[in-house]
Amino acid sequence: MRTSIGGRLQPLTAASAFAALCAQPLLTLGVVARIHWQALLLWRKRVPWFSKPERNSATGTPSGKETLS
Protein backbone atom coordinates (compact mmCIF):
# COMPACT_ATOMS: atom_id res chain seq x y z
CA MET A 1 0.00 0.00 0.00
CA ARG A 2 1.27 3.45 -0.82
CA THR A 3 -0.01 6.71 0.57
CA SER A 4 0.92 10.33 0.15
CA ILE A 5 -0.10 13.75 1.36
CA GLY A 6 0.35 16.91 -0.66
CA GLY A 7 0.00 20.56 0.12
CA ARG A 8 1.76 23.77 1.04
CA LEU A 9 3.17 24.45 4.48
CA GLN A 10 1.96 27.74 5.95
CA PRO A 11 1.90 29.16 9.47
CA LEU A 12 -1.21 28.61 11.58
CA THR A 13 -2.92 31.92 12.15
CA ALA A 14 -6.52 32.81 12.89
CA ALA A 15 -6.98 33.80 9.24
CA SER A 16 -5.49 30.57 7.85
CA ALA A 17 -7.58 28.45 10.27
CA PHE A 18 -10.73 30.30 9.20
CA ALA A 19 -9.81 29.84 5.53
CA ALA A 20 -9.35 26.10 6.06
CA LEU A 21 -12.75 25.91 7.78
CA CYS A 22 -14.38 27.77 4.90
CA ALA A 23 -12.69 25.53 2.33
CA GLN A 24 -14.02 22.33 3.93
CA PRO A 25 -16.98 23.36 6.11
CA LEU A 26 -18.55 19.92 6.51
CA LEU A 27 -15.38 17.89 7.03
CA THR A 28 -15.71 17.70 10.83
CA LEU A 29 -19.41 16.99 10.63
CA GLY A 30 -18.74 14.19 8.16
CA VAL A 31 -16.14 12.60 10.45
CA VAL A 32 -18.50 12.72 13.44
CA ALA A 33 -21.32 11.23 11.34
CA ARG A 34 -19.09 8.34 10.18
CA ILE A 35 -17.98 7.59 13.75
CA HIS A 36 -21.59 7.43 14.89
CA TRP A 37 -22.55 5.29 11.90
CA GLN A 38 -19.87 2.73 12.82
CA ALA A 39 -21.05 2.81 16.45
CA LEU A 40 -24.60 2.10 15.28
CA LEU A 41 -23.41 -0.88 13.22
CA LEU A 42 -21.51 -2.28 16.21
CA TRP A 43 -24.56 -1.73 18.46
CA ARG A 44 -26.77 -3.61 15.98
CA LYS A 45 -24.32 -6.54 16.07
CA ARG A 46 -24.60 -6.45 19.89
CA VAL A 47 -20.84 -6.02 20.33
CA PRO A 48 -20.22 -5.71 24.10
CA TRP A 49 -19.26 -2.34 25.56
CA PHE A 50 -16.05 -2.12 27.58
CA SER A 51 -15.65 1.06 29.60
CA LYS A 52 -12.29 2.41 30.70
CA PRO A 53 -11.26 1.77 34.30
CA GLU A 54 -11.14 4.86 36.50
CA ARG A 55 -7.68 6.34 37.01
CA ASN A 56 -5.95 6.80 40.34
CA SER A 57 -5.28 10.55 40.57
CA ALA A 58 -2.10 10.05 42.62
CA THR A 59 -0.32 7.61 40.30
CA GLY A 60 -2.16 8.03 37.01
CA THR A 61 -2.66 4.26 36.73
CA PRO A 62 -6.00 2.47 36.58
CA SER A 63 -7.30 1.95 40.11
CA GLY A 64 -7.22 -1.57 41.43
CA LYS A 65 -4.09 -2.38 39.42
CA GLU A 66 -0.71 -3.08 40.98
CA THR A 67 2.26 -1.19 39.58
CA LEU A 68 5.64 -2.74 38.97
CA SER A 69 8.51 -1.05 40.80
PDB file of N, CA and C in Angstrom:
ATOM      1  N   MET A   1       0.846  -1.161   0.000  1.00  0.00           N
ATOM      2  CA  MET A   1       0.000   0.000   0.000  1.00  0.00           C
ATOM      3  C   MET A   1       0.896   1.230   0.000  1.00  0.00           C
ATOM      4  N   ARG A   2       0.529   2.197  -0.773  1.00  0.00           N
ATOM      5  CA  ARG A   2       1.265   3.455  -0.818  1.00  0.00           C
ATOM      6  C   ARG A   2       0.306   4.598  -0.513  1.00  0.00           C
ATOM      7  N   THR A   3       0.791   5.530   0.265  1.00  0.00           N
ATOM      8  CA  THR A   3      -0.009   6.707   0.569  1.00  0.00           C
ATOM      9  C   THR A   3       0.845   7.949   0.394  1.00  0.00           C
ATOM     10  N   SER A   4       0.192   9.069   0.233  1.00  0.00           N
ATOM     11  CA  SER A   4       0.921  10.331   0.147  1.00  0.00           C
ATOM     12  C   SER A   4      -0.004  11.468   0.560  1.00  0.00           C
ATOM     13  N   ILE A   5       0.627  12.536   0.981  1.00  0.00           N
ATOM     14  CA  ILE A   5      -0.096  13.751   1.357  1.00  0.00           C
ATOM     15  C   ILE A   5       0.575  14.900   0.625  1.00  0.00           C
ATOM     16  N   GLY A   6      -0.209  15.763   0.041  1.00  0.00           N
ATOM     17  CA  GLY A   6       0.355  16.910  -0.662  1.00  0.00           C
ATOM     18  C   GLY A   6      -0.219  18.199  -0.110  1.00  0.00           C
ATOM     19  N   GLY A   7       0.488  19.269  -0.323  1.00  0.00           N
ATOM     20  CA  GLY A   7      -0.004  20.559   0.117  1.00  0.00           C
ATOM     21  C   GLY A   7       1.128  21.543   0.300  1.00  0.00           C
ATOM     22  N   ARG A   8       0.772  22.736   0.767  1.00  0.00           N
ATOM     23  CA  ARG A   8       1.759  23.770   1.041  1.00  0.00           C
ATOM     24  C   ARG A   8       1.808  24.021   2.534  1.00  0.00           C
ATOM     25  N   LEU A   9       2.997  24.146   3.070  1.00  0.00           N
ATOM     26  CA  LEU A   9       3.173  24.453   4.483  1.00  0.00           C
ATOM     27  C   LEU A   9       2.995  25.950   4.680  1.00  0.00           C
ATOM     28  N   GLN A  10       2.149  26.337   5.633  1.00  0.00           N
ATOM     29  CA  GLN A  10       1.963  27.738   5.948  1.00  0.00           C
ATOM     30  C   GLN A  10       1.720  27.865   7.443  1.00  0.00           C
ATOM     31  N   PRO A  11       2.065  28.993   8.026  1.00  0.00           N
ATOM     32  CA  PRO A  11       1.903  29.165   9.466  1.00  0.00           C
ATOM     33  C   PRO A  11       0.421  29.151   9.863  1.00  0.00           C
ATOM     34  N   LEU A  12       0.161  28.642  11.073  1.00  0.00           N
ATOM     35  CA  LEU A  12      -1.209  28.607  11.582  1.00  0.00           C
ATOM     36  C   LEU A  12      -1.535  29.948  12.232  1.00  0.00           C
ATOM     37  N   THR A  13      -2.433  30.655  11.611  1.00  0.00           N
ATOM     38  CA  THR A  13      -2.924  31.920  12.146  1.00  0.00           C
ATOM     39  C   THR A  13      -4.449  31.830  12.202  1.00  0.00           C
ATOM     40  N   ALA A  14      -5.062  32.791  12.827  1.00  0.00           N
ATOM     41  CA  ALA A  14      -6.519  32.808  12.890  1.00  0.00           C
ATOM     42  C   ALA A  14      -7.111  32.881  11.480  1.00  0.00           C
ATOM     43  N   ALA A  15      -6.472  33.653  10.609  1.00  0.00           N
ATOM     44  CA  ALA A  15      -6.979  33.801   9.244  1.00  0.00           C
ATOM     45  C   ALA A  15      -6.829  32.497   8.455  1.00  0.00           C
ATOM     46  N   SER A  16      -5.678  31.812   8.611  1.00  0.00           N
ATOM     47  CA  SER A  16      -5.493  30.570   7.855  1.00  0.00           C
ATOM     48  C   SER A  16      -6.406  29.462   8.392  1.00  0.00           C
ATOM     49  N   ALA A  17      -6.658  29.444   9.702  1.00  0.00           N
ATOM     50  CA  ALA A  17      -7.578  28.451  10.268  1.00  0.00           C
ATOM     51  C   ALA A  17      -8.999  28.701   9.761  1.00  0.00           C
ATOM     52  N   PHE A  18      -9.399  29.962   9.705  1.00  0.00           N
ATOM     53  CA  PHE A  18     -10.729  30.302   9.199  1.00  0.00           C
ATOM     54  C   PHE A  18     -10.852  29.952   7.716  1.00  0.00           C
ATOM     55  N   ALA A  19      -9.796  30.177   6.955  1.00  0.00           N
ATOM     56  CA  ALA A  19      -9.814  29.845   5.527  1.00  0.00           C
ATOM     57  C   ALA A  19      -9.944  28.339   5.327  1.00  0.00           C
ATOM     58  N   ALA A  20      -9.255  27.556   6.157  1.00  0.00           N
ATOM     59  CA  ALA A  20      -9.349  26.097   6.055  1.00  0.00           C
ATOM     60  C   ALA A  20     -10.766  25.637   6.399  1.00  0.00           C
ATOM     61  N   LEU A  21     -11.374  26.249   7.407  1.00  0.00           N
ATOM     62  CA  LEU A  21     -12.747  25.909   7.780  1.00  0.00           C
ATOM     63  C   LEU A  21     -13.709  26.247   6.652  1.00  0.00           C
ATOM     64  N   CYS A  22     -13.507  27.372   6.017  1.00  0.00           N
ATOM     65  CA  CYS A  22     -14.385  27.768   4.904  1.00  0.00           C
ATOM     66  C   CYS A  22     -14.185  26.874   3.686  1.00  0.00           C
ATOM     67  N   ALA A  23     -12.967  26.373   3.490  1.00  0.00           N
ATOM     68  CA  ALA A  23     -12.689  25.529   2.333  1.00  0.00           C
ATOM     69  C   ALA A  23     -13.342  24.165   2.472  1.00  0.00           C
ATOM     70  N   GLN A  24     -13.435  23.653   3.695  1.00  0.00           N
ATOM     71  CA  GLN A  24     -14.015  22.330   3.932  1.00  0.00           C
ATOM     72  C   GLN A  24     -14.973  22.407   5.126  1.00  0.00           C
ATOM     73  N   PRO A  25     -16.110  23.076   4.959  1.00  0.00           N
ATOM     74  CA  PRO A  25     -16.979  23.357   6.112  1.00  0.00           C
ATOM     75  C   PRO A  25     -17.629  22.127   6.737  1.00  0.00           C
ATOM     76  N   LEU A  26     -17.841  21.076   5.977  1.00  0.00           N
ATOM     77  CA  LEU A  26     -18.555  19.920   6.514  1.00  0.00           C
ATOM     78  C   LEU A  26     -17.630  18.757   6.850  1.00  0.00           C
ATOM     79  N   LEU A  27     -16.321  18.972   6.787  1.00  0.00           N
ATOM     80  CA  LEU A  27     -15.381  17.888   7.032  1.00  0.00           C
ATOM     81  C   LEU A  27     -15.549  17.320   8.440  1.00  0.00           C
ATOM     82  N   THR A  28     -15.564  18.164   9.458  1.00  0.00           N
ATOM     83  CA  THR A  28     -15.708  17.698  10.832  1.00  0.00           C
ATOM     84  C   THR A  28     -17.047  17.012  11.042  1.00  0.00           C
ATOM     85  N   LEU A  29     -18.088  17.588  10.510  1.00  0.00           N
ATOM     86  CA  LEU A  29     -19.414  16.990  10.634  1.00  0.00           C
ATOM     87  C   LEU A  29     -19.449  15.618   9.978  1.00  0.00           C
ATOM     88  N   GLY A  30     -18.795  15.476   8.841  1.00  0.00           N
ATOM     89  CA  GLY A  30     -18.736  14.188   8.158  1.00  0.00           C
ATOM     90  C   GLY A  30     -17.997  13.137   8.969  1.00  0.00           C
ATOM     91  N   VAL A  31     -16.898  13.537   9.619  1.00  0.00           N
ATOM     92  CA  VAL A  31     -16.136  12.598  10.445  1.00  0.00           C
ATOM     93  C   VAL A  31     -16.990  12.135  11.625  1.00  0.00           C
ATOM     94  N   VAL A  32     -17.652  13.066  12.293  1.00  0.00           N
ATOM     95  CA  VAL A  32     -18.499  12.720  13.437  1.00  0.00           C
ATOM     96  C   VAL A  32     -19.638  11.799  12.991  1.00  0.00           C
ATOM     97  N   ALA A  33     -20.234  12.075  11.845  1.00  0.00           N
ATOM     98  CA  ALA A  33     -21.319  11.232  11.340  1.00  0.00           C
ATOM     99  C   ALA A  33     -20.822   9.816  11.050  1.00  0.00           C
ATOM    100  N   ARG A  34     -19.626   9.683  10.478  1.00  0.00           N
ATOM    101  CA  ARG A  34     -19.088   8.345  10.185  1.00  0.00           C
ATOM    102  C   ARG A  34     -18.765   7.572  11.463  1.00  0.00           C
ATOM    103  N   ILE A  35     -18.255   8.252  12.475  1.00  0.00           N
ATOM    104  CA  ILE A  35     -17.979   7.586  13.752  1.00  0.00           C
ATOM    105  C   ILE A  35     -19.271   7.051  14.357  1.00  0.00           C
ATOM    106  N   HIS A  36     -20.315   7.866  14.341  1.00  0.00           N
ATOM    107  CA  HIS A  36     -21.592   7.433  14.895  1.00  0.00           C
ATOM    108  C   HIS A  36     -22.222   6.313  14.061  1.00  0.00           C
ATOM    109  N   TRP A  37     -22.037   6.344  12.756  1.00  0.00           N
ATOM    110  CA  TRP A  37     -22.551   5.285  11.900  1.00  0.00           C
ATOM    111  C   TRP A  37     -21.895   3.953  12.264  1.00  0.00           C
ATOM    112  N   GLN A  38     -20.572   3.959  12.446  1.00  0.00           N
ATOM    113  CA  GLN A  38     -19.872   2.734  12.816  1.00  0.00           C
ATOM    114  C   GLN A  38     -20.317   2.259  14.200  1.00  0.00           C
ATOM    115  N   ALA A  39     -20.551   3.184  15.118  1.00  0.00           N
ATOM    116  CA  ALA A  39     -21.046   2.814  16.447  1.00  0.00           C
ATOM    117  C   ALA A  39     -22.423   2.165  16.348  1.00  0.00           C
ATOM    118  N   LEU A  40     -23.274   2.685  15.480  1.00  0.00           N
ATOM    119  CA  LEU A  40     -24.602   2.098  15.278  1.00  0.00           C
ATOM    120  C   LEU A  40     -24.486   0.672  14.736  1.00  0.00           C
ATOM    121  N   LEU A  41     -23.591   0.467  13.767  1.00  0.00           N
ATOM    122  CA  LEU A  41     -23.410  -0.877  13.217  1.00  0.00           C
ATOM    123  C   LEU A  41     -22.923  -1.855  14.288  1.00  0.00           C
ATOM    124  N   LEU A  42     -21.998  -1.411  15.129  1.00  0.00           N
ATOM    125  CA  LEU A  42     -21.514  -2.278  16.210  1.00  0.00           C
ATOM    126  C   LEU A  42     -22.628  -2.556  17.216  1.00  0.00           C
ATOM    127  N   TRP A  43     -23.451  -1.558  17.510  1.00  0.00           N
ATOM    128  CA  TRP A  43     -24.558  -1.735  18.460  1.00  0.00           C
ATOM    129  C   TRP A  43     -25.569  -2.742  17.908  1.00  0.00           C
ATOM    130  N   ARG A  44     -25.832  -2.661  16.587  1.00  0.00           N
ATOM    131  CA  ARG A  44     -26.771  -3.614  15.976  1.00  0.00           C
ATOM    132  C   ARG A  44     -26.250  -5.044  16.028  1.00  0.00           C
ATOM    133  N   LYS A  45     -24.925  -5.202  15.980  1.00  0.00           N
ATOM    134  CA  LYS A  45     -24.323  -6.537  16.070  1.00  0.00           C
ATOM    135  C   LYS A  45     -24.228  -7.017  17.517  1.00  0.00           C
ATOM    136  N   ARG A  46     -24.644  -6.155  18.447  1.00  0.00           N
ATOM    137  CA  ARG A  46     -24.599  -6.449  19.885  1.00  0.00           C
ATOM    138  C   ARG A  46     -23.175  -6.707  20.383  1.00  0.00           C
ATOM    139  N   VAL A  47     -22.233  -5.934  19.865  1.00  0.00           N
ATOM    140  CA  VAL A  47     -20.844  -6.016  20.329  1.00  0.00           C
ATOM    141  C   VAL A  47     -20.824  -5.476  21.754  1.00  0.00           C
ATOM    142  N   PRO A  48     -20.202  -6.181  22.704  1.00  0.00           N
ATOM    143  CA  PRO A  48     -20.220  -5.714  24.096  1.00  0.00           C
ATOM    144  C   PRO A  48     -19.441  -4.411  24.274  1.00  0.00           C
ATOM    145  N   TRP A  49     -19.867  -3.630  25.248  1.00  0.00           N
ATOM    146  CA  TRP A  49     -19.263  -2.343  25.562  1.00  0.00           C
ATOM    147  C   TRP A  49     -18.282  -2.543  26.703  1.00  0.00           C
ATOM    148  N   PHE A  50     -17.064  -2.064  26.537  1.00  0.00           N
ATOM    149  CA  PHE A  50     -16.053  -2.123  27.582  1.00  0.00           C
ATOM    150  C   PHE A  50     -15.682  -0.704  27.955  1.00  0.00           C
ATOM    151  N   SER A  51     -15.992  -0.297  29.187  1.00  0.00           N
ATOM    152  CA  SER A  51     -15.647   1.056  29.597  1.00  0.00           C
ATOM    153  C   SER A  51     -14.232   1.079  30.162  1.00  0.00           C
ATOM    154  N   LYS A  52     -13.640   2.253  30.170  1.00  0.00           N
ATOM    155  CA  LYS A  52     -12.292   2.411  30.698  1.00  0.00           C
ATOM    156  C   LYS A  52     -12.332   2.337  32.222  1.00  0.00           C
ATOM    157  N   PRO A  53     -11.303   1.744  32.846  1.00  0.00           N
ATOM    158  CA  PRO A  53     -11.260   1.768  34.305  1.00  0.00           C
ATOM    159  C   PRO A  53     -10.932   3.182  34.781  1.00  0.00           C
ATOM    160  N   GLU A  54     -11.423   3.535  35.957  1.00  0.00           N
ATOM    161  CA  GLU A  54     -11.138   4.861  36.496  1.00  0.00           C
ATOM    162  C   GLU A  54      -9.666   4.952  36.868  1.00  0.00           C
ATOM    163  N   ARG A  55      -9.096   6.131  36.736  1.00  0.00           N
ATOM    164  CA  ARG A  55      -7.678   6.337  37.008  1.00  0.00           C
ATOM    165  C   ARG A  55      -7.461   6.798  38.441  1.00  0.00           C
ATOM    166  N   ASN A  56      -6.362   6.350  39.024  1.00  0.00           N
ATOM    167  CA  ASN A  56      -5.949   6.800  40.340  1.00  0.00           C
ATOM    168  C   ASN A  56      -5.291   8.161  40.150  1.00  0.00           C
ATOM    169  N   SER A  57      -5.802   9.204  40.795  1.00  0.00           N
ATOM    170  CA  SER A  57      -5.281  10.550  40.567  1.00  0.00           C
ATOM    171  C   SER A  57      -3.852  10.714  41.082  1.00  0.00           C
ATOM    172  N   ALA A  58      -3.453   9.918  42.066  1.00  0.00           N
ATOM    173  CA  ALA A  58      -2.104  10.054  42.619  1.00  0.00           C
ATOM    174  C   ALA A  58      -1.048   9.453  41.685  1.00  0.00           C
ATOM    175  N   THR A  59      -1.331   8.290  41.108  1.00  0.00           N
ATOM    176  CA  THR A  59      -0.321   7.608  40.300  1.00  0.00           C
ATOM    177  C   THR A  59      -0.605   7.689  38.806  1.00  0.00           C
ATOM    178  N   GLY A  60      -1.824   7.987  38.416  1.00  0.00           N
ATOM    179  CA  GLY A  60      -2.164   8.031  37.005  1.00  0.00           C
ATOM    180  C   GLY A  60      -2.410   6.662  36.402  1.00  0.00           C
ATOM    181  N   THR A  61      -2.414   5.610  37.221  1.00  0.00           N
ATOM    182  CA  THR A  61      -2.659   4.258  36.733  1.00  0.00           C
ATOM    183  C   THR A  61      -4.106   3.876  37.014  1.00  0.00           C
ATOM    184  N   PRO A  62      -4.637   2.915  36.284  1.00  0.00           N
ATOM    185  CA  PRO A  62      -5.997   2.468  36.579  1.00  0.00           C
ATOM    186  C   PRO A  62      -6.102   1.971  38.017  1.00  0.00           C
ATOM    187  N   SER A  63      -7.157   2.367  38.723  1.00  0.00           N
ATOM    188  CA  SER A  63      -7.299   1.948  40.107  1.00  0.00           C
ATOM    189  C   SER A  63      -7.563   0.462  40.192  1.00  0.00           C
ATOM    190  N   GLY A  64      -7.067  -0.139  41.242  1.00  0.00           N
ATOM    191  CA  GLY A  64      -7.223  -1.571  41.425  1.00  0.00           C
ATOM    192  C   GLY A  64      -6.109  -2.371  40.783  1.00  0.00           C
ATOM    193  N   LYS A  65      -5.201  -1.717  40.088  1.00  0.00           N
ATOM    194  CA  LYS A  65      -4.092  -2.376  39.424  1.00  0.00           C
ATOM    195  C   LYS A  65      -2.818  -2.156  40.228  1.00  0.00           C
ATOM    196  N   GLU A  66      -2.017  -3.199  40.323  1.00  0.00           N
ATOM    197  CA  GLU A  66      -0.714  -3.083  40.978  1.00  0.00           C
ATOM    198  C   GLU A  66       0.288  -2.517  39.979  1.00  0.00           C
ATOM    199  N   THR A  67       1.208  -1.714  40.463  1.00  0.00           N
ATOM    200  CA  THR A  67       2.256  -1.187  39.582  1.00  0.00           C
ATOM    201  C   THR A  67       3.545  -1.920  39.866  1.00  0.00           C
ATOM    202  N   LEU A  68       4.334  -2.090  38.822  1.00  0.00           N
ATOM    203  CA  LEU A  68       5.643  -2.736  38.974  1.00  0.00           C
ATOM    204  C   LEU A  68       6.656  -1.696  39.372  1.00  0.00           C
ATOM    205  N   SER A  69       7.484  -2.008  40.360  1.00  0.00           N
ATOM    206  CA  SER A  69       8.505  -1.050  40.803  1.00  0.00           C
ATOM    207  C   SER A  69       9.868  -1.469  40.342  1.00  0.00           C
TER     208      SER A  69
END
